[in-house]
N, C-alpha and C. Protein backbone atom coordinates (compact mmCIF):
# COMPACT_ATOMS: atom_id res chain seq x y z
N MET A 1 0.83 -1.23 0.01
CA MET A 1 0.04 -0.02 0.01
C MET A 1 0.86 1.25 0.03
N SER A 2 0.40 2.30 -0.75
CA SER A 2 1.09 3.56 -0.77
C SER A 2 0.94 4.27 0.60
N ALA A 3 1.79 5.23 0.94
CA ALA A 3 1.69 5.97 2.21
C ALA A 3 0.37 6.67 2.25
N PRO A 4 -0.05 7.43 1.26
CA PRO A 4 -1.28 8.12 1.37
C PRO A 4 -2.46 7.24 1.50
N LEU A 5 -2.45 6.02 0.97
CA LEU A 5 -3.55 5.11 1.10
C LEU A 5 -3.64 4.62 2.58
N VAL A 6 -2.53 4.31 3.16
CA VAL A 6 -2.50 3.94 4.59
C VAL A 6 -3.02 5.07 5.43
N LYS A 7 -2.57 6.29 5.12
CA LYS A 7 -2.92 7.46 5.98
C LYS A 7 -4.45 7.77 5.90
N LEU A 8 -5.03 7.35 4.78
CA LEU A 8 -6.51 7.58 4.68
C LEU A 8 -7.28 6.94 5.83
N PHE A 9 -6.63 5.81 6.40
CA PHE A 9 -7.30 5.07 7.43
C PHE A 9 -6.71 5.24 8.85
N THR A 10 -5.46 5.89 8.82
CA THR A 10 -4.80 6.06 10.13
C THR A 10 -4.73 7.60 10.44
N HIS A 11 -4.43 8.45 9.50
CA HIS A 11 -4.48 9.91 9.74
C HIS A 11 -5.09 10.58 8.53
N PRO A 12 -6.33 10.37 8.31
CA PRO A 12 -6.99 11.03 7.13
C PRO A 12 -6.82 12.45 6.98
N GLU A 13 -6.78 13.21 8.09
CA GLU A 13 -6.67 14.63 8.01
C GLU A 13 -5.32 15.12 7.38
N PHE A 14 -4.34 14.17 7.43
CA PHE A 14 -3.02 14.45 6.91
C PHE A 14 -2.83 13.87 5.50
N ALA A 15 -3.62 12.82 5.23
CA ALA A 15 -3.48 12.07 3.94
C ALA A 15 -3.78 13.00 2.75
N TRP A 16 -4.67 13.90 2.81
CA TRP A 16 -5.04 14.64 1.70
C TRP A 16 -3.97 15.65 1.30
N LYS A 17 -3.20 16.11 2.26
CA LYS A 17 -2.03 16.95 1.89
C LYS A 17 -1.04 16.18 1.02
N ASP A 18 -0.73 14.93 1.47
CA ASP A 18 0.21 14.04 0.68
C ASP A 18 -0.40 13.79 -0.69
N ILE A 19 -1.67 13.57 -0.75
CA ILE A 19 -2.28 13.23 -2.08
C ILE A 19 -2.19 14.42 -3.01
N ARG A 20 -2.47 15.57 -2.49
CA ARG A 20 -2.43 16.82 -3.24
C ARG A 20 -0.98 17.13 -3.73
N GLU A 21 -0.02 16.78 -2.92
CA GLU A 21 1.43 17.06 -3.29
C GLU A 21 1.85 16.06 -4.34
N GLN A 22 1.33 14.83 -4.21
CA GLN A 22 1.61 13.75 -5.31
C GLN A 22 0.92 14.14 -6.58
N GLU A 23 -0.20 14.70 -6.53
CA GLU A 23 -0.89 15.14 -7.76
C GLU A 23 -0.18 16.29 -8.41
N GLN A 24 0.39 17.15 -7.66
CA GLN A 24 1.10 18.27 -8.29
C GLN A 24 2.40 17.73 -8.93
N ALA A 25 3.03 16.83 -8.34
CA ALA A 25 4.26 16.22 -8.90
C ALA A 25 4.03 15.26 -10.05
N HIS A 26 3.02 14.45 -9.85
CA HIS A 26 2.58 13.45 -10.90
C HIS A 26 1.11 13.55 -11.06
N PRO A 27 0.67 14.32 -12.05
CA PRO A 27 -0.79 14.60 -12.24
C PRO A 27 -1.62 13.34 -12.39
N SER A 28 -1.08 12.28 -12.95
CA SER A 28 -1.93 11.03 -13.18
C SER A 28 -1.60 9.89 -12.26
N HIS A 29 -1.12 10.26 -11.03
CA HIS A 29 -0.73 9.21 -10.18
C HIS A 29 -1.89 8.45 -9.65
N TYR A 30 -3.04 9.08 -9.60
CA TYR A 30 -4.22 8.40 -9.05
C TYR A 30 -4.76 7.25 -10.00
N LEU A 31 -4.28 7.23 -11.26
CA LEU A 31 -4.78 6.18 -12.16
C LEU A 31 -4.45 4.79 -11.69
N ALA A 32 -3.22 4.66 -11.11
CA ALA A 32 -2.82 3.33 -10.64
C ALA A 32 -3.68 2.89 -9.47
N HIS A 33 -3.91 4.01 -8.60
CA HIS A 33 -4.81 3.67 -7.43
C HIS A 33 -6.19 3.30 -7.86
N LEU A 34 -6.76 3.94 -8.83
CA LEU A 34 -8.13 3.61 -9.29
C LEU A 34 -8.14 2.25 -10.00
N LEU A 35 -7.25 2.07 -11.00
CA LEU A 35 -7.35 0.92 -11.86
C LEU A 35 -6.98 -0.35 -11.08
N LEU A 36 -6.12 -0.24 -10.20
CA LEU A 36 -5.71 -1.42 -9.39
C LEU A 36 -6.73 -1.72 -8.30
N LEU A 37 -7.12 -0.81 -7.49
CA LEU A 37 -8.06 -1.02 -6.45
C LEU A 37 -9.43 -1.41 -6.95
N ALA A 38 -9.77 -1.00 -8.16
CA ALA A 38 -11.04 -1.40 -8.70
C ALA A 38 -11.10 -2.87 -9.07
N LEU A 39 -9.94 -3.43 -9.07
CA LEU A 39 -9.89 -4.91 -9.31
C LEU A 39 -10.28 -5.73 -8.07
N ILE A 40 -10.21 -5.15 -6.90
CA ILE A 40 -10.50 -5.90 -5.66
C ILE A 40 -11.97 -6.41 -5.70
N PRO A 41 -12.96 -5.54 -5.88
CA PRO A 41 -14.34 -6.06 -5.89
C PRO A 41 -14.61 -6.93 -7.03
N THR A 42 -14.08 -6.76 -8.17
CA THR A 42 -14.36 -7.50 -9.38
C THR A 42 -13.77 -8.94 -9.21
N VAL A 43 -12.44 -8.98 -8.83
CA VAL A 43 -11.86 -10.31 -8.73
C VAL A 43 -12.53 -11.11 -7.60
N CYS A 44 -12.72 -10.48 -6.45
CA CYS A 44 -13.46 -11.12 -5.32
C CYS A 44 -14.78 -11.60 -5.68
N LEU A 45 -15.56 -10.79 -6.40
CA LEU A 45 -16.88 -11.20 -6.81
C LEU A 45 -16.89 -12.41 -7.74
N PHE A 46 -15.88 -12.45 -8.63
CA PHE A 46 -15.80 -13.54 -9.58
C PHE A 46 -15.56 -14.84 -8.79
N ILE A 47 -14.67 -14.78 -7.85
CA ILE A 47 -14.39 -15.98 -6.99
C ILE A 47 -15.60 -16.35 -6.15
N GLY A 48 -16.15 -15.32 -5.52
CA GLY A 48 -17.28 -15.68 -4.66
C GLY A 48 -18.55 -16.24 -5.37
N THR A 49 -18.82 -15.66 -6.60
CA THR A 49 -20.02 -16.18 -7.28
C THR A 49 -19.82 -17.50 -8.11
N THR A 50 -18.57 -17.82 -8.29
CA THR A 50 -18.26 -19.06 -9.03
C THR A 50 -17.86 -20.19 -8.13
N TRP A 51 -17.28 -19.93 -6.96
CA TRP A 51 -16.70 -20.98 -6.10
C TRP A 51 -17.59 -21.09 -4.82
N THR A 52 -17.78 -19.89 -4.15
CA THR A 52 -18.45 -19.87 -2.79
C THR A 52 -19.90 -20.04 -3.07
N GLY A 53 -20.46 -19.16 -3.89
CA GLY A 53 -21.91 -19.16 -4.12
C GLY A 53 -22.73 -18.55 -3.02
N TRP A 54 -23.97 -18.45 -3.05
CA TRP A 54 -24.82 -17.86 -2.07
C TRP A 54 -26.08 -18.78 -1.90
N SER A 55 -26.76 -18.49 -0.77
CA SER A 55 -27.88 -19.34 -0.45
C SER A 55 -29.18 -18.48 -0.37
N LEU A 56 -30.10 -18.82 -1.20
CA LEU A 56 -31.42 -18.14 -1.10
C LEU A 56 -32.47 -18.99 -0.44
N ALA A 57 -32.17 -20.39 -0.48
CA ALA A 57 -33.11 -21.24 0.28
C ALA A 57 -32.19 -22.11 1.20
N GLU A 58 -32.77 -22.71 2.23
CA GLU A 58 -32.01 -23.33 3.29
C GLU A 58 -31.21 -24.48 2.68
N ASN A 59 -31.66 -25.17 1.72
CA ASN A 59 -30.93 -26.37 1.32
C ASN A 59 -30.36 -26.27 -0.12
N GLU A 60 -30.07 -25.05 -0.50
CA GLU A 60 -29.69 -24.87 -1.91
C GLU A 60 -28.53 -23.75 -1.98
N THR A 61 -27.50 -24.05 -2.71
CA THR A 61 -26.44 -23.06 -2.96
C THR A 61 -26.47 -22.69 -4.38
N VAL A 62 -26.44 -21.44 -4.70
CA VAL A 62 -26.54 -20.90 -6.08
C VAL A 62 -25.20 -20.28 -6.51
N ARG A 63 -24.73 -20.61 -7.68
CA ARG A 63 -23.51 -20.06 -8.20
C ARG A 63 -23.75 -19.53 -9.66
N LEU A 64 -22.84 -18.80 -10.15
CA LEU A 64 -22.84 -18.41 -11.57
C LEU A 64 -21.95 -19.22 -12.36
N ASN A 65 -22.19 -19.53 -13.63
CA ASN A 65 -21.18 -20.18 -14.43
C ASN A 65 -20.08 -19.21 -14.76
N SER A 66 -18.97 -19.61 -15.16
CA SER A 66 -17.79 -18.76 -15.30
C SER A 66 -18.04 -17.60 -16.32
N ALA A 67 -18.74 -17.91 -17.43
CA ALA A 67 -19.05 -16.88 -18.46
C ALA A 67 -19.85 -15.76 -17.90
N SER A 68 -20.99 -16.10 -17.07
CA SER A 68 -21.86 -15.08 -16.62
C SER A 68 -21.12 -14.30 -15.53
N ALA A 69 -20.34 -14.94 -14.66
CA ALA A 69 -19.63 -14.25 -13.67
C ALA A 69 -18.56 -13.31 -14.27
N LEU A 70 -17.89 -13.71 -15.32
CA LEU A 70 -16.92 -12.87 -16.04
C LEU A 70 -17.69 -11.63 -16.66
N GLN A 71 -18.79 -11.79 -17.20
CA GLN A 71 -19.51 -10.75 -17.83
C GLN A 71 -19.92 -9.72 -16.71
N LEU A 72 -20.36 -10.24 -15.53
CA LEU A 72 -20.75 -9.32 -14.41
C LEU A 72 -19.54 -8.53 -13.92
N CYS A 73 -18.44 -9.22 -13.78
CA CYS A 73 -17.24 -8.57 -13.21
C CYS A 73 -16.59 -7.55 -14.17
N VAL A 74 -16.69 -7.86 -15.51
CA VAL A 74 -16.15 -6.84 -16.44
C VAL A 74 -17.07 -5.67 -16.40
N LEU A 75 -18.34 -5.90 -16.40
CA LEU A 75 -19.29 -4.76 -16.27
C LEU A 75 -19.08 -3.90 -15.01
N LEU A 76 -18.88 -4.59 -13.94
CA LEU A 76 -18.65 -3.93 -12.66
C LEU A 76 -17.35 -3.12 -12.73
N TYR A 77 -16.34 -3.64 -13.28
CA TYR A 77 -15.04 -2.88 -13.39
C TYR A 77 -15.23 -1.66 -14.23
N LEU A 78 -15.86 -1.84 -15.34
CA LEU A 78 -16.11 -0.59 -16.21
C LEU A 78 -17.02 0.39 -15.49
N THR A 79 -17.98 -0.13 -14.77
CA THR A 79 -18.94 0.79 -14.10
C THR A 79 -18.22 1.62 -13.06
N ILE A 80 -17.34 0.88 -12.26
CA ILE A 80 -16.62 1.63 -11.21
C ILE A 80 -15.76 2.67 -11.78
N VAL A 81 -14.95 2.38 -12.83
CA VAL A 81 -14.05 3.35 -13.43
C VAL A 81 -14.91 4.54 -14.01
N ALA A 82 -15.97 4.15 -14.77
CA ALA A 82 -16.77 5.22 -15.34
C ALA A 82 -17.49 6.07 -14.31
N GLY A 83 -17.89 5.47 -13.18
CA GLY A 83 -18.54 6.18 -12.09
C GLY A 83 -17.62 7.15 -11.46
N VAL A 84 -16.35 6.82 -11.21
CA VAL A 84 -15.35 7.67 -10.61
C VAL A 84 -15.08 8.86 -11.56
N VAL A 85 -14.88 8.51 -12.81
CA VAL A 85 -14.65 9.64 -13.78
C VAL A 85 -15.80 10.65 -13.83
N LEU A 86 -17.07 9.99 -13.84
CA LEU A 86 -18.22 10.92 -13.90
C LEU A 86 -18.33 11.68 -12.62
N MET A 87 -18.10 11.12 -11.49
CA MET A 87 -18.11 11.87 -10.29
C MET A 87 -17.06 12.99 -10.24
N GLY A 88 -15.98 12.70 -10.84
CA GLY A 88 -14.93 13.76 -10.89
C GLY A 88 -15.40 14.88 -11.75
N ALA A 89 -16.09 14.61 -12.80
CA ALA A 89 -16.61 15.65 -13.72
C ALA A 89 -17.71 16.49 -12.97
N PHE A 90 -18.49 15.82 -12.16
CA PHE A 90 -19.45 16.60 -11.43
C PHE A 90 -18.73 17.50 -10.30
N ILE A 91 -17.79 16.98 -9.62
CA ILE A 91 -17.08 17.76 -8.75
C ILE A 91 -16.43 19.01 -9.37
N ARG A 92 -15.83 18.79 -10.50
CA ARG A 92 -15.20 19.88 -11.32
C ARG A 92 -16.34 20.90 -11.70
N TRP A 93 -17.52 20.39 -12.13
CA TRP A 93 -18.57 21.32 -12.54
C TRP A 93 -19.12 22.14 -11.42
N MET A 94 -19.27 21.46 -10.20
CA MET A 94 -19.81 22.19 -9.01
C MET A 94 -18.84 23.16 -8.43
N SER A 95 -17.51 22.98 -8.75
CA SER A 95 -16.53 23.89 -8.19
C SER A 95 -16.63 25.38 -8.60
N ARG A 96 -17.42 25.52 -9.75
CA ARG A 96 -17.55 26.93 -10.23
C ARG A 96 -18.40 27.70 -9.29
N THR A 97 -19.14 27.09 -8.39
CA THR A 97 -20.01 27.77 -7.49
C THR A 97 -19.16 28.31 -6.33
N PHE A 98 -17.99 27.75 -6.11
CA PHE A 98 -17.03 28.06 -4.97
C PHE A 98 -15.86 28.73 -5.44
N GLU A 99 -14.86 29.00 -4.54
CA GLU A 99 -13.71 29.62 -4.91
C GLU A 99 -12.60 28.66 -5.47
N ALA A 100 -12.97 27.37 -5.38
CA ALA A 100 -11.97 26.38 -5.88
C ALA A 100 -11.88 26.39 -7.39
N ARG A 101 -10.79 26.24 -7.90
CA ARG A 101 -10.55 26.10 -9.41
C ARG A 101 -9.79 24.88 -9.68
N PRO A 102 -10.21 23.69 -9.34
CA PRO A 102 -9.43 22.44 -9.58
C PRO A 102 -9.53 22.02 -11.09
N THR A 103 -8.52 21.30 -11.51
CA THR A 103 -8.62 20.73 -12.85
C THR A 103 -9.48 19.49 -12.84
N LEU A 104 -9.90 19.00 -13.97
CA LEU A 104 -10.71 17.86 -14.05
C LEU A 104 -9.87 16.63 -13.51
N ASN A 105 -8.60 16.61 -13.83
CA ASN A 105 -7.67 15.57 -13.39
C ASN A 105 -7.72 15.47 -11.84
N GLN A 106 -7.56 16.65 -11.15
CA GLN A 106 -7.59 16.71 -9.64
C GLN A 106 -8.90 16.21 -9.10
N CYS A 107 -10.01 16.50 -9.74
CA CYS A 107 -11.29 16.16 -9.27
C CYS A 107 -11.52 14.58 -9.42
N ILE A 108 -11.07 14.05 -10.53
CA ILE A 108 -11.11 12.57 -10.74
C ILE A 108 -10.28 11.87 -9.70
N GLY A 109 -9.05 12.42 -9.41
CA GLY A 109 -8.17 11.85 -8.45
C GLY A 109 -8.78 11.89 -7.06
N PHE A 110 -9.48 13.00 -6.65
CA PHE A 110 -10.10 13.13 -5.41
C PHE A 110 -11.21 12.14 -5.27
N ALA A 111 -12.03 11.93 -6.36
CA ALA A 111 -13.06 10.94 -6.29
C ALA A 111 -12.58 9.56 -6.13
N ALA A 112 -11.41 9.26 -6.81
CA ALA A 112 -10.83 7.92 -6.71
C ALA A 112 -10.42 7.66 -5.32
N TYR A 113 -9.79 8.51 -4.62
CA TYR A 113 -9.32 8.26 -3.25
C TYR A 113 -10.50 8.29 -2.27
N THR A 114 -11.47 9.09 -2.49
CA THR A 114 -12.65 9.06 -1.67
C THR A 114 -13.46 7.76 -1.74
N ALA A 115 -13.34 7.08 -2.93
CA ALA A 115 -14.05 5.78 -3.07
C ALA A 115 -13.29 4.58 -2.48
N THR A 116 -12.11 4.86 -1.88
CA THR A 116 -11.26 3.75 -1.42
C THR A 116 -12.01 2.81 -0.47
N PRO A 117 -12.80 3.30 0.42
CA PRO A 117 -13.47 2.32 1.33
C PRO A 117 -14.42 1.38 0.62
N TYR A 118 -14.95 1.79 -0.53
CA TYR A 118 -15.80 0.92 -1.29
C TYR A 118 -15.02 -0.11 -2.02
N PHE A 119 -13.71 0.32 -2.49
CA PHE A 119 -12.87 -0.74 -3.13
C PHE A 119 -12.51 -1.83 -2.11
N LEU A 120 -12.14 -1.41 -0.96
CA LEU A 120 -11.74 -2.40 0.09
C LEU A 120 -12.97 -3.25 0.53
N ALA A 121 -14.04 -2.65 0.61
CA ALA A 121 -15.25 -3.40 0.99
C ALA A 121 -15.55 -4.54 -0.04
N GLY A 122 -14.93 -4.44 -1.26
CA GLY A 122 -15.16 -5.40 -2.30
C GLY A 122 -14.66 -6.74 -1.89
N LEU A 123 -13.83 -6.88 -0.90
CA LEU A 123 -13.35 -8.13 -0.33
C LEU A 123 -14.44 -9.07 0.10
N LEU A 124 -15.58 -8.44 0.48
CA LEU A 124 -16.70 -9.29 0.85
C LEU A 124 -17.32 -10.07 -0.34
N GLY A 125 -16.91 -9.79 -1.45
CA GLY A 125 -17.30 -10.56 -2.62
C GLY A 125 -16.96 -11.95 -2.48
N LEU A 126 -15.86 -12.26 -1.78
CA LEU A 126 -15.41 -13.62 -1.64
C LEU A 126 -16.38 -14.47 -0.93
N TYR A 127 -17.28 -13.85 -0.17
CA TYR A 127 -18.29 -14.61 0.57
C TYR A 127 -19.68 -13.86 0.41
N PRO A 128 -20.35 -14.09 -0.81
CA PRO A 128 -21.64 -13.32 -0.97
C PRO A 128 -22.65 -13.64 0.10
N ASN A 129 -23.09 -12.68 0.74
CA ASN A 129 -24.05 -12.74 1.82
C ASN A 129 -24.77 -11.37 1.98
N ARG A 130 -26.08 -11.35 1.77
CA ARG A 130 -26.71 -10.12 1.68
C ARG A 130 -26.67 -9.26 3.00
N TRP A 131 -26.72 -9.94 4.12
CA TRP A 131 -26.68 -9.22 5.35
C TRP A 131 -25.31 -8.74 5.67
N LEU A 132 -24.30 -9.50 5.47
CA LEU A 132 -22.85 -9.11 5.59
C LEU A 132 -22.65 -7.94 4.62
N ALA A 133 -23.07 -8.06 3.44
CA ALA A 133 -22.80 -6.99 2.36
C ALA A 133 -23.49 -5.72 2.84
N ALA A 134 -24.69 -5.80 3.42
CA ALA A 134 -25.32 -4.52 3.87
C ALA A 134 -24.55 -3.83 4.97
N ILE A 135 -24.09 -4.68 5.89
CA ILE A 135 -23.27 -4.11 7.01
C ILE A 135 -22.05 -3.45 6.55
N VAL A 136 -21.24 -4.20 5.77
CA VAL A 136 -19.96 -3.70 5.24
C VAL A 136 -20.02 -2.50 4.32
N LEU A 137 -21.13 -2.50 3.47
CA LEU A 137 -21.35 -1.35 2.60
C LEU A 137 -21.81 -0.11 3.34
N LEU A 138 -22.54 -0.37 4.44
CA LEU A 138 -22.94 0.81 5.27
C LEU A 138 -21.79 1.37 5.94
N ALA A 139 -20.82 0.55 6.49
CA ALA A 139 -19.62 1.06 7.07
C ALA A 139 -18.71 1.72 6.06
N ALA A 140 -18.56 1.19 4.84
CA ALA A 140 -17.79 1.82 3.82
C ALA A 140 -18.43 3.16 3.41
N SER A 141 -19.71 3.25 3.28
CA SER A 141 -20.43 4.48 2.97
C SER A 141 -20.16 5.60 4.05
N ALA A 142 -20.21 5.17 5.29
CA ALA A 142 -19.96 6.07 6.41
C ALA A 142 -18.61 6.62 6.31
N TYR A 143 -17.60 5.79 6.11
CA TYR A 143 -16.16 6.22 6.09
C TYR A 143 -15.86 7.03 4.84
N ALA A 144 -16.50 6.64 3.72
CA ALA A 144 -16.27 7.46 2.50
C ALA A 144 -16.82 8.83 2.70
N THR A 145 -17.98 8.91 3.33
CA THR A 145 -18.55 10.25 3.69
C THR A 145 -17.66 11.07 4.57
N PHE A 146 -17.15 10.40 5.59
CA PHE A 146 -16.13 11.07 6.45
C PHE A 146 -14.93 11.61 5.70
N LEU A 147 -14.40 10.82 4.79
CA LEU A 147 -13.28 11.15 3.90
C LEU A 147 -13.65 12.47 3.11
N LEU A 148 -14.82 12.39 2.57
CA LEU A 148 -15.32 13.46 1.72
C LEU A 148 -15.28 14.77 2.41
N PHE A 149 -15.98 14.79 3.66
CA PHE A 149 -16.15 16.01 4.38
C PHE A 149 -14.85 16.53 5.03
N VAL A 150 -13.91 15.60 5.35
CA VAL A 150 -12.63 15.97 5.87
C VAL A 150 -11.74 16.42 4.73
N GLY A 151 -11.82 15.70 3.65
CA GLY A 151 -10.83 15.88 2.53
C GLY A 151 -11.05 16.97 1.54
N LEU A 152 -12.25 17.20 1.30
CA LEU A 152 -12.58 18.18 0.17
C LEU A 152 -12.10 19.63 0.43
N PRO A 153 -12.35 20.11 1.69
CA PRO A 153 -11.90 21.44 1.95
C PRO A 153 -10.35 21.59 1.93
N LYS A 154 -9.60 20.51 2.39
CA LYS A 154 -8.25 20.49 2.41
C LYS A 154 -7.69 20.37 1.01
N PHE A 155 -8.24 19.43 0.27
CA PHE A 155 -7.73 19.17 -1.14
C PHE A 155 -7.92 20.36 -2.04
N MET A 156 -9.11 21.09 -1.83
CA MET A 156 -9.41 22.21 -2.67
C MET A 156 -8.98 23.55 -2.12
N ASN A 157 -8.35 23.52 -0.86
CA ASN A 157 -7.91 24.72 -0.28
C ASN A 157 -9.04 25.72 -0.05
N LEU A 158 -10.12 25.27 0.61
CA LEU A 158 -11.33 26.09 0.83
C LEU A 158 -11.46 26.36 2.32
N LYS A 159 -12.19 27.43 2.52
CA LYS A 159 -12.59 27.69 3.96
C LYS A 159 -13.59 26.69 4.38
N LYS A 160 -13.64 26.61 5.73
CA LYS A 160 -14.39 25.49 6.37
C LYS A 160 -15.89 25.58 5.94
N GLU A 161 -16.47 26.84 5.90
CA GLU A 161 -17.91 26.95 5.56
C GLU A 161 -18.11 26.58 4.13
N GLN A 162 -17.28 27.05 3.29
CA GLN A 162 -17.47 26.70 1.82
C GLN A 162 -17.24 25.17 1.65
N GLY A 163 -16.21 24.63 2.25
CA GLY A 163 -15.95 23.26 2.14
C GLY A 163 -17.09 22.41 2.55
N LEU A 164 -17.71 22.83 3.61
CA LEU A 164 -18.90 22.02 4.21
C LEU A 164 -20.06 21.98 3.15
N LEU A 165 -20.39 23.11 2.57
CA LEU A 165 -21.43 23.22 1.59
C LEU A 165 -21.06 22.44 0.35
N TYR A 166 -19.77 22.57 -0.13
CA TYR A 166 -19.29 21.86 -1.28
C TYR A 166 -19.44 20.41 -1.09
N SER A 167 -18.94 19.94 0.06
CA SER A 167 -18.98 18.50 0.37
C SER A 167 -20.37 17.94 0.39
N ALA A 168 -21.31 18.70 1.03
CA ALA A 168 -22.69 18.25 0.99
C ALA A 168 -23.34 18.20 -0.38
N SER A 169 -22.92 19.13 -1.29
CA SER A 169 -23.43 19.02 -2.69
C SER A 169 -22.82 17.80 -3.36
N VAL A 170 -21.53 17.52 -3.15
CA VAL A 170 -20.95 16.40 -3.72
C VAL A 170 -21.52 15.05 -3.27
N TRP A 171 -21.75 15.03 -1.99
CA TRP A 171 -22.36 13.87 -1.30
C TRP A 171 -23.75 13.52 -1.97
N GLY A 172 -24.54 14.56 -2.14
CA GLY A 172 -25.96 14.33 -2.74
C GLY A 172 -25.83 13.85 -4.17
N VAL A 173 -24.99 14.44 -4.97
CA VAL A 173 -24.82 14.06 -6.42
C VAL A 173 -24.18 12.66 -6.42
N GLY A 174 -23.21 12.42 -5.52
CA GLY A 174 -22.50 11.06 -5.51
C GLY A 174 -23.53 9.93 -5.21
N LEU A 175 -24.43 10.15 -4.29
CA LEU A 175 -25.40 9.14 -3.98
C LEU A 175 -26.32 8.88 -5.18
N LEU A 176 -26.73 9.95 -5.91
CA LEU A 176 -27.53 9.70 -7.09
C LEU A 176 -26.78 8.97 -8.11
N VAL A 177 -25.56 9.37 -8.38
CA VAL A 177 -24.67 8.61 -9.41
C VAL A 177 -24.47 7.22 -9.11
N LEU A 178 -24.13 6.98 -7.79
CA LEU A 178 -23.95 5.61 -7.36
C LEU A 178 -25.15 4.65 -7.59
N VAL A 179 -26.22 5.13 -7.12
CA VAL A 179 -27.42 4.35 -7.31
C VAL A 179 -27.85 4.11 -8.77
N THR A 180 -27.81 5.22 -9.47
CA THR A 180 -28.27 5.19 -10.93
C THR A 180 -27.37 4.21 -11.70
N ILE A 181 -26.03 4.42 -11.55
CA ILE A 181 -25.13 3.66 -12.43
C ILE A 181 -25.12 2.15 -12.11
N LEU A 182 -25.26 1.84 -10.83
CA LEU A 182 -25.27 0.41 -10.44
C LEU A 182 -26.58 -0.27 -10.80
N VAL A 183 -27.67 0.47 -10.74
CA VAL A 183 -29.05 -0.13 -11.17
C VAL A 183 -28.95 -0.34 -12.69
N GLU A 184 -28.46 0.60 -13.38
CA GLU A 184 -28.43 0.40 -14.88
C GLU A 184 -27.53 -0.71 -15.25
N MET A 185 -26.34 -0.91 -14.53
CA MET A 185 -25.48 -2.01 -14.81
C MET A 185 -26.10 -3.29 -14.60
N ILE A 186 -26.79 -3.47 -13.40
CA ILE A 186 -27.47 -4.69 -13.03
C ILE A 186 -28.60 -5.09 -14.03
N LEU A 187 -29.38 -4.07 -14.33
CA LEU A 187 -30.46 -4.32 -15.31
C LEU A 187 -29.96 -4.80 -16.69
N PHE A 188 -28.87 -4.18 -17.18
CA PHE A 188 -28.28 -4.56 -18.43
C PHE A 188 -27.76 -5.95 -18.34
N TRP A 189 -27.10 -6.26 -17.27
CA TRP A 189 -26.51 -7.60 -17.14
C TRP A 189 -27.57 -8.68 -17.07
N PHE A 190 -28.66 -8.37 -16.33
CA PHE A 190 -29.71 -9.37 -16.02
C PHE A 190 -30.65 -9.51 -17.22
N ASN A 191 -30.97 -8.40 -17.91
CA ASN A 191 -31.97 -8.45 -19.00
C ASN A 191 -31.34 -8.68 -20.41
N VAL A 192 -30.13 -8.21 -20.63
CA VAL A 192 -29.50 -8.25 -21.88
C VAL A 192 -28.55 -9.48 -21.99
N LEU A 193 -27.75 -9.65 -21.00
CA LEU A 193 -26.70 -10.71 -21.05
C LEU A 193 -27.25 -12.02 -20.48
N GLN A 194 -28.36 -11.95 -19.70
CA GLN A 194 -29.06 -13.15 -19.23
C GLN A 194 -28.14 -14.15 -18.55
N PRO A 195 -27.77 -13.97 -17.39
CA PRO A 195 -26.84 -14.87 -16.61
C PRO A 195 -27.42 -16.23 -16.44
N GLU A 196 -26.50 -17.19 -16.40
CA GLU A 196 -26.85 -18.58 -16.16
C GLU A 196 -26.48 -18.98 -14.68
N TYR A 197 -27.39 -19.56 -13.99
CA TYR A 197 -27.17 -19.97 -12.63
C TYR A 197 -26.99 -21.46 -12.49
N LEU A 198 -26.23 -21.83 -11.54
CA LEU A 198 -25.95 -23.27 -11.22
C LEU A 198 -26.45 -23.53 -9.76
N ARG A 199 -27.25 -24.48 -9.69
CA ARG A 199 -27.79 -24.73 -8.29
C ARG A 199 -27.34 -26.10 -7.81
N PHE A 200 -26.99 -26.07 -6.52
CA PHE A 200 -26.42 -27.21 -5.84
C PHE A 200 -27.02 -27.51 -4.52
N PRO A 201 -27.16 -28.67 -3.98
CA PRO A 201 -27.66 -28.96 -2.67
C PRO A 201 -26.66 -28.28 -1.69
N ALA A 202 -27.13 -27.64 -0.64
CA ALA A 202 -26.28 -27.05 0.35
C ALA A 202 -25.54 -28.19 1.03
N GLY A 203 -24.23 -27.92 1.21
CA GLY A 203 -23.44 -28.99 1.82
C GLY A 203 -22.45 -28.43 2.77
């Protein structure tokens, strides 16, 4: 793990300063963070849906065949990357209301680091379980929100009052983008690609 990534969970108030300095020295440094960490939920989900499976009935385990799982995971990966880029574009667009004048590159980088808790939460894909997923995703959402409200004023060099309003605006748009893009992905996968399920007696 890179130092800024570790600091996001140990000293988040200082991590954003390091991330901004890295961005100034290497404007595209966030790409590795985004493209590599986005693999965590996709790879784990592939393993979980093809090997572990999930249970909807007491005596039955459901899995996906490899082709359907691969389709799902490729779609998820593209959705994650596209969602972060889209969120960065919204952050850049909303910055015109405030004193911040970030580049699109900076906004995408900020969105990528703010989404880190969701990337790491993707580890639960190894063991698909709706209740566990709900708990972990709730925790990831809470910490991502914390990173947003702590990080945006520091990353954009804004006053506290402006940073709070900016963060609240980004949070609202981010929630809408997250729900919309994931629902569209699932509907496309389910209705167009038509996944194939494998059912086994629970053992």
